[in-house]
Amino acid sequence: MSRGLGTVPAAGHQEEQDLEAPGKTNTATPCAACRLLRRRCAQDCPFSPYFAPTDPLKFACVHKVFGASNVAKMLMEVPENQRADTATSLVYEAAVRLNNPVYGCVGAISILEKQLQSLEAELNATRAEVLRYKFKEAKTLAHPTFQDCNMPASRPISMAASSSAQPTYQSQLPPLPPAYSPPSHFQQASTRSGQYNTTCRGNIGYFG
């Protein structure tokens, strides 16, 4: 008979007898394991502290994958302060096995490893980009450009300073040369040519 979430195997009665421990019966509320196995829940039940009756699906998964007797043995083999973590681990492994019957936890670990490798590659690329920008900045500070070296510090120039500087610039200009005056012999020659023109005009009227 196949196991299921709500079914009990053929040897379930023997398994129930093996799990029943001597002690007082828990008449308040049976745990999820005892409720699924349809047995009386004792006060010293090994499942009661870890499988609450409000969440029966956890023990159903564990019982389907490992079996109730195997879960009880594994809980009894570990120290009491580690049994809660053991029960949580068994529940997780059983749920993963039901979701992925072929690979189980190995498949989940493989997926996480691939994600880790992808994140590590992205982190290395980001670190390389940061180092590249730092090297570029250090190179710029160590070897400034020629334009940055020759460029003086910029200072604000007021209109008053520019107007006061303009007369100083004009006063430094060389004086203009004196007006050109032709020599005296050039003036005499021009006077004679004027008299000659007047004489010629008179003669033309006389002969005409």
C-alpha atoms as a PDB file:
ATOM      1  CA  MET A   1       0.000   0.000   0.000  1.00  0.00           C
ATOM      2  CA  SER A   2       1.543   3.305  -1.059  1.00  0.00           C
ATOM      3  CA  ARG A   3       2.189   6.058   1.449  1.00  0.00           C
ATOM      4  CA  GLY A   4       0.313   9.340   1.209  1.00  0.00           C
ATOM      5  CA  LEU A   5      -0.261  12.484   3.168  1.00  0.00           C
ATOM      6  CA  GLY A   6      -3.472  11.139   4.679  1.00  0.00           C
ATOM      7  CA  THR A   7      -2.842   7.388   4.465  1.00  0.00           C
ATOM      8  CA  VAL A   8      -0.963   5.070   6.774  1.00  0.00           C
ATOM      9  CA  PRO A   9       1.088   2.105   5.462  1.00  0.00           C
ATOM     10  CA  ALA A  10       0.069  -1.472   6.149  1.00  0.00           C
ATOM     11  CA  ALA A  11       2.644  -1.770   8.923  1.00  0.00           C
ATOM     12  CA  GLY A  12       1.361   1.424  10.517  1.00  0.00           C
ATOM     13  CA  HIS A  13      -0.108  -0.303  13.571  1.00  0.00           C
ATOM     14  CA  GLN A  14       3.250  -1.863  14.451  1.00  0.00           C
ATOM     15  CA  GLU A  15       4.932   1.524  13.903  1.00  0.00           C
ATOM     16  CA  GLU A  16       2.417   3.184  16.192  1.00  0.00           C
ATOM     17  CA  GLN A  17       3.140   0.621  18.919  1.00  0.00           C
ATOM     18  CA  ASP A  18       6.881   1.217  18.596  1.00  0.00           C
ATOM     19  CA  LEU A  19       6.465   5.002  18.884  1.00  0.00           C
ATOM     20  CA  GLU A  20       4.199   4.862  21.923  1.00  0.00           C
ATOM     21  CA  ALA A  21       6.379   5.631  24.904  1.00  0.00           C
ATOM     22  CA  PRO A  22       5.370   4.905  28.471  1.00  0.00           C
ATOM     23  CA  GLY A  23       3.989   7.885  30.342  1.00  0.00           C
ATOM     24  CA  LYS A  24       0.884   9.896  30.913  1.00  0.00           C
ATOM     25  CA  THR A  25      -1.397  10.622  27.993  1.00  0.00           C
ATOM     26  CA  ASN A  26      -1.600  14.179  26.671  1.00  0.00           C
ATOM     27  CA  THR A  27      -5.355  14.667  26.922  1.00  0.00           C
ATOM     28  CA  ALA A  28      -5.242  18.367  25.964  1.00  0.00           C
ATOM     29  CA  THR A  29      -4.316  18.440  22.269  1.00  0.00           C
ATOM     30  CA  PRO A  30      -2.383  15.711  20.462  1.00  0.00           C
ATOM     31  CA  CYS A  31       0.572  16.761  18.306  1.00  0.00           C
ATOM     32  CA  ALA A  32       0.459  16.680  14.524  1.00  0.00           C
ATOM     33  CA  ALA A  33       2.318  13.343  14.437  1.00  0.00           C
ATOM     34  CA  CYS A  34      -0.012  11.549  16.822  1.00  0.00           C
ATOM     35  CA  ARG A  35      -3.041  13.026  15.099  1.00  0.00           C
ATOM     36  CA  LEU A  36      -1.818  11.812  11.692  1.00  0.00           C
ATOM     37  CA  LEU A  37      -0.868   8.393  13.095  1.00  0.00           C
ATOM     38  CA  ARG A  38      -4.161   8.220  15.019  1.00  0.00           C
ATOM     39  CA  ARG A  39      -2.655   7.344  18.325  1.00  0.00           C
ATOM     40  CA  ARG A  40      -2.677   8.681  21.845  1.00  0.00           C
ATOM     41  CA  CYS A  41      -0.149  11.457  22.442  1.00  0.00           C
ATOM     42  CA  ALA A  42       1.868  10.940  25.621  1.00  0.00           C
ATOM     43  CA  GLN A  43       3.444  13.759  27.578  1.00  0.00           C
ATOM     44  CA  ASP A  44       6.920  12.538  26.653  1.00  0.00           C
ATOM     45  CA  CYS A  45       6.076  12.171  22.942  1.00  0.00           C
ATOM     46  CA  PRO A  46       9.243  12.772  20.867  1.00  0.00           C
ATOM     47  CA  PHE A  47       7.264  14.672  18.197  1.00  0.00           C
ATOM     48  CA  SER A  48       5.194  16.950  20.431  1.00  0.00           C
ATOM     49  CA  PRO A  49       7.792  19.758  20.972  1.00  0.00           C
ATOM     50  CA  TYR A  50       8.610  20.054  17.248  1.00  0.00           C
ATOM     51  CA  PHE A  51       5.384  19.286  15.336  1.00  0.00           C
ATOM     52  CA  ALA A  52       2.565  21.456  16.611  1.00  0.00           C
ATOM     53  CA  PRO A  53      -1.037  20.429  15.899  1.00  0.00           C
ATOM     54  CA  THR A  54      -1.656  23.777  14.170  1.00  0.00           C
ATOM     55  CA  ASP A  55       0.663  22.838  11.272  1.00  0.00           C
ATOM     56  CA  PRO A  56       0.075  19.171  10.381  1.00  0.00           C
ATOM     57  CA  LEU A  57       1.559  19.516   6.882  1.00  0.00           C
ATOM     58  CA  LYS A  58       5.137  19.567   8.228  1.00  0.00           C
ATOM     59  CA  PHE A  59       4.932  16.144   9.799  1.00  0.00           C
ATOM     60  CA  ALA A  60       2.962  14.820   6.819  1.00  0.00           C
ATOM     61  CA  CYS A  61       5.883  15.684   4.504  1.00  0.00           C
ATOM     62  CA  VAL A  62       8.457  14.240   6.898  1.00  0.00           C
ATOM     63  CA  HIS A  63       6.433  11.074   7.410  1.00  0.00           C
ATOM     64  CA  LYS A  64       6.002  10.571   3.661  1.00  0.00           C
ATOM     65  CA  VAL A  65       9.708  10.954   2.861  1.00  0.00           C
ATOM     66  CA  PHE A  66      11.473   9.454   5.892  1.00  0.00           C
ATOM     67  CA  GLY A  67       8.853   7.567   7.883  1.00  0.00           C
ATOM     68  CA  ALA A  68       7.764   8.307  11.435  1.00  0.00           C
ATOM     69  CA  SER A  69      10.010   5.672  13.075  1.00  0.00           C
ATOM     70  CA  ASN A  70      13.122   6.973  11.269  1.00  0.00           C
ATOM     71  CA  VAL A  71      12.309  10.552  12.276  1.00  0.00           C
ATOM     72  CA  ALA A  72      11.932   9.466  15.907  1.00  0.00           C
ATOM     73  CA  LYS A  73      15.298   7.662  15.816  1.00  0.00           C
ATOM     74  CA  MET A  74      17.079  10.667  14.274  1.00  0.00           C
ATOM     75  CA  LEU A  75      15.624  12.979  16.893  1.00  0.00           C
ATOM     76  CA  MET A  76      16.689  10.678  19.722  1.00  0.00           C
ATOM     77  CA  GLU A  77      20.247  10.336  18.371  1.00  0.00           C
ATOM     78  CA  VAL A  78      21.074  14.048  18.598  1.00  0.00           C
ATOM     79  CA  PRO A  79      21.411  16.099  21.813  1.00  0.00           C
ATOM     80  CA  GLU A  80      18.255  17.686  23.106  1.00  0.00           C
ATOM     81  CA  ASN A  81      19.472  21.229  22.410  1.00  0.00           C
ATOM     82  CA  GLN A  82      19.881  20.307  18.702  1.00  0.00           C
ATOM     83  CA  ARG A  83      16.597  18.482  18.144  1.00  0.00           C
ATOM     84  CA  ALA A  84      14.688  21.604  17.110  1.00  0.00           C
ATOM     85  CA  ASP A  85      17.228  22.361  14.370  1.00  0.00           C
ATOM     86  CA  THR A  86      17.177  18.711  13.320  1.00  0.00           C
ATOM     87  CA  ALA A  87      13.397  18.728  12.970  1.00  0.00           C
ATOM     88  CA  THR A  88      13.537  21.969  10.949  1.00  0.00           C
ATOM     89  CA  SER A  89      16.189  20.481   8.658  1.00  0.00           C
ATOM     90  CA  LEU A  90      14.141  17.319   8.135  1.00  0.00           C
ATOM     91  CA  VAL A  91      11.059  19.357   7.248  1.00  0.00           C
ATOM     92  CA  TYR A  92      13.011  21.433   4.716  1.00  0.00           C
ATOM     93  CA  GLU A  93      14.666  18.407   3.118  1.00  0.00           C
ATOM     94  CA  ALA A  94      11.344  16.567   2.879  1.00  0.00           C
ATOM     95  CA  ALA A  95       9.637  19.558   1.239  1.00  0.00           C
ATOM     96  CA  VAL A  96      12.458  19.928  -1.305  1.00  0.00           C
ATOM     97  CA  ARG A  97      12.377  16.206  -2.067  1.00  0.00           C
ATOM     98  CA  LEU A  98       8.641  16.343  -2.726  1.00  0.00           C
ATOM     99  CA  ASN A  99       9.057  19.339  -5.037  1.00  0.00           C
ATOM    100  CA  ASN A 100      12.031  17.797  -6.854  1.00  0.00           C
ATOM    101  CA  PRO A 101      11.949  13.997  -6.467  1.00  0.00           C
ATOM    102  CA  VAL A 102      14.998  13.462  -8.723  1.00  0.00           C
ATOM    103  CA  TYR A 103      17.592  15.826  -7.247  1.00  0.00           C
ATOM    104  CA  GLY A 104      16.058  16.951  -3.967  1.00  0.00           C
ATOM    105  CA  CYS A 105      18.398  19.115  -1.884  1.00  0.00           C
ATOM    106  CA  VAL A 106      21.223  18.561  -4.381  1.00  0.00           C
ATOM    107  CA  GLY A 107      19.224  20.422  -7.027  1.00  0.00           C
ATOM    108  CA  ALA A 108      18.536  23.295  -4.629  1.00  0.00           C
ATOM    109  CA  ILE A 109      22.229  23.474  -3.703  1.00  0.00           C
ATOM    110  CA  SER A 110      23.200  23.484  -7.390  1.00  0.00           C
ATOM    111  CA  ILE A 111      20.852  26.400  -8.088  1.00  0.00           C
ATOM    112  CA  LEU A 112      22.271  28.343  -5.150  1.00  0.00           C
ATOM    113  CA  GLU A 113      25.838  27.663  -6.309  1.00  0.00           C
ATOM    114  CA  LYS A 114      25.050  29.026  -9.778  1.00  0.00           C
ATOM    115  CA  GLN A 115      23.526  32.143  -8.254  1.00  0.00           C
ATOM    116  CA  LEU A 116      26.595  32.555  -6.056  1.00  0.00           C
ATOM    117  CA  GLN A 117      28.947  32.273  -9.034  1.00  0.00           C
ATOM    118  CA  SER A 118      26.924  34.837 -10.976  1.00  0.00           C
ATOM    119  CA  LEU A 119      26.976  37.278  -8.057  1.00  0.00           C
ATOM    120  CA  GLU A 120      30.723  36.784  -7.560  1.00  0.00           C
ATOM    121  CA  ALA A 121      31.380  37.548 -11.238  1.00  0.00           C
ATOM    122  CA  GLU A 122      29.232  40.683 -11.003  1.00  0.00           C
ATOM    123  CA  LEU A 123      31.059  41.748  -7.840  1.00  0.00           C
ATOM    124  CA  ASN A 124      34.470  41.261  -9.470  1.00  0.00           C
ATOM    125  CA  ALA A 125      33.393  43.313 -12.489  1.00  0.00           C
ATOM    126  CA  THR A 126      32.189  46.110 -10.211  1.00  0.00           C
ATOM    127  CA  ARG A 127      35.456  46.087  -8.268  1.00  0.00           C
ATOM    128  CA  ALA A 128      37.452  46.262 -11.507  1.00  0.00           C
ATOM    129  CA  GLU A 129      35.364  49.223 -12.651  1.00  0.00           C
ATOM    130  CA  VAL A 130      35.991  51.027  -9.355  1.00  0.00           C
ATOM    131  CA  LEU A 131      39.747  50.414  -9.614  1.00  0.00           C
ATOM    132  CA  ARG A 132      39.752  51.713 -13.184  1.00  0.00           C
ATOM    133  CA  TYR A 133      38.132  54.987 -12.138  1.00  0.00           C
ATOM    134  CA  LYS A 134      40.515  55.347  -9.183  1.00  0.00           C
ATOM    135  CA  PHE A 135      43.545  54.795 -11.434  1.00  0.00           C
ATOM    136  CA  LYS A 136      42.226  57.320 -13.941  1.00  0.00           C
ATOM    137  CA  GLU A 137      41.727  59.925 -11.219  1.00  0.00           C
ATOM    138  CA  ALA A 138      45.200  59.330  -9.758  1.00  0.00           C
ATOM    139  CA  LYS A 139      46.771  59.622 -13.211  1.00  0.00           C
ATOM    140  CA  THR A 140      44.987  62.923 -13.828  1.00  0.00           C
ATOM    141  CA  LEU A 141      46.214  64.363 -10.523  1.00  0.00           C
ATOM    142  CA  ALA A 142      49.791  63.186 -11.092  1.00  0.00           C
ATOM    143  CA  HIS A 143      50.059  64.403 -14.720  1.00  0.00           C
ATOM    144  CA  PRO A 144      47.869  67.480 -15.305  1.00  0.00           C
ATOM    145  CA  THR A 145      47.363  68.719 -18.844  1.00  0.00           C
ATOM    146  CA  PHE A 146      49.310  71.654 -20.389  1.00  0.00           C
ATOM    147  CA  GLN A 147      46.207  73.807 -20.474  1.00  0.00           C
ATOM    148  CA  ASP A 148      45.634  73.316 -16.758  1.00  0.00           C
ATOM    149  CA  CYS A 149      49.241  74.299 -15.970  1.00  0.00           C
ATOM    150  CA  ASN A 150      49.230  77.580 -18.005  1.00  0.00           C
ATOM    151  CA  MET A 151      45.760  78.719 -17.094  1.00  0.00           C
ATOM    152  CA  PRO A 152      45.913  81.303 -14.241  1.00  0.00           C
ATOM    153  CA  ALA A 153      43.441  81.343 -11.493  1.00  0.00           C
ATOM    154  CA  SER A 154      40.310  83.084 -12.600  1.00  0.00           C
ATOM    155  CA  ARG A 155      39.503  86.275 -10.692  1.00  0.00           C
ATOM    156  CA  PRO A 156      36.420  88.441 -11.062  1.00  0.00           C
ATOM    157  CA  ILE A 157      37.014  91.661 -13.034  1.00  0.00           C
ATOM    158  CA  SER A 158      34.880  94.660 -12.142  1.00  0.00           C
ATOM    159  CA  MET A 159      33.794  97.386 -14.544  1.00  0.00           C
ATOM    160  CA  ALA A 160      35.585 100.022 -12.486  1.00  0.00           C
ATOM    161  CA  ALA A 161      38.885  98.219 -12.825  1.00  0.00           C
ATOM    162  CA  SER A 162      38.454  97.866 -16.587  1.00  0.00           C
ATOM    163  CA  SER A 163      37.576 101.569 -17.002  1.00  0.00           C
ATOM    164  CA  SER A 164      40.532 102.676 -14.894  1.00  0.00           C
ATOM    165  CA  ALA A 165      42.884 100.480 -16.857  1.00  0.00           C
ATOM    166  CA  GLN A 166      41.838 101.937 -20.241  1.00  0.00           C
ATOM    167  CA  PRO A 167      43.438 105.446 -19.850  1.00  0.00           C
ATOM    168  CA  THR A 168      46.638 103.864 -18.647  1.00  0.00           C
ATOM    169  CA  TYR A 169      46.808 101.859 -21.836  1.00  0.00           C
ATOM    170  CA  GLN A 170      46.203 104.952 -23.980  1.00  0.00           C
ATOM    171  CA  SER A 171      48.815 106.982 -22.114  1.00  0.00           C
ATOM    172  CA  GLN A 172      51.419 104.399 -22.957  1.00  0.00           C
ATOM    173  CA  LEU A 173      50.891 104.842 -26.731  1.00  0.00           C
ATOM    174  CA  PRO A 174      53.666 106.779 -28.648  1.00  0.00           C
ATOM    175  CA  PRO A 175      52.847 110.391 -29.647  1.00  0.00           C
ATOM    176  CA  LEU A 176      51.608 111.129 -33.160  1.00  0.00           C
ATOM    177  CA  PRO A 177      54.126 112.616 -35.641  1.00  0.00           C
ATOM    178  CA  PRO A 178      53.812 116.379 -36.478  1.00  0.00           C
ATOM    179  CA  ALA A 179      51.860 117.587 -39.511  1.00  0.00           C
ATOM    180  CA  TYR A 180      53.808 117.358 -42.786  1.00  0.00           C
ATOM    181  CA  SER A 181      54.938 120.685 -44.313  1.00  0.00           C
ATOM    182  CA  PRO A 182      56.604 120.708 -47.761  1.00  0.00           C
ATOM    183  CA  PRO A 183      60.043 122.358 -48.161  1.00  0.00           C
ATOM    184  CA  SER A 184      60.370 125.999 -49.303  1.00  0.00           C
ATOM    185  CA  HIS A 185      61.729 125.254 -52.763  1.00  0.00           C
ATOM    186  CA  PHE A 186      58.608 123.177 -53.464  1.00  0.00           C
ATOM    187  CA  GLN A 187      56.482 126.201 -52.527  1.00  0.00           C
ATOM    188  CA  GLN A 188      58.526 128.498 -54.866  1.00  0.00           C
ATOM    189  CA  ALA A 189      58.136 126.061 -57.722  1.00  0.00           C
ATOM    190  CA  SER A 190      54.394 125.954 -57.238  1.00  0.00           C
ATOM    191  CA  THR A 191      54.243 129.804 -57.244  1.00  0.00           C
ATOM    192  CA  ARG A 192      56.198 130.040 -60.482  1.00  0.00           C
ATOM    193  CA  SER A 193      53.971 127.455 -62.126  1.00  0.00           C
ATOM    194  CA  GLY A 194      50.941 129.513 -61.137  1.00  0.00           C
ATOM    195  CA  GLN A 195      52.417 132.679 -62.664  1.00  0.00           C
ATOM    196  CA  TYR A 196      53.276 130.792 -65.864  1.00  0.00           C
ATOM    197  CA  ASN A 197      49.728 129.587 -66.198  1.00  0.00           C
ATOM    198  CA  THR A 198      48.400 133.133 -65.843  1.00  0.00           C
ATOM    199  CA  THR A 199      50.810 134.471 -68.538  1.00  0.00           C
ATOM    200  CA  CYS A 200      49.882 131.709 -70.914  1.00  0.00           C
ATOM    201  CA  ARG A 201      46.211 132.479 -70.523  1.00  0.00           C
ATOM    202  CA  GLY A 202      46.864 136.171 -71.319  1.00  0.00           C
ATOM    203  CA  ASN A 203      48.857 135.394 -74.411  1.00  0.00           C
ATOM    204  CA  ILE A 204      46.170 133.089 -75.677  1.00  0.00           C
ATOM    205  CA  GLY A 205      43.673 135.950 -75.512  1.00  0.00           C
ATOM    206  CA  TYR A 206      46.088 138.339 -77.240  1.00  0.00           C
ATOM    207  CA  PHE A 207      46.810 136.057 -80.182  1.00  0.00           C
ATOM    208  CA  GLY A 208      43.223 134.973 -80.537  1.00  0.00           C
END
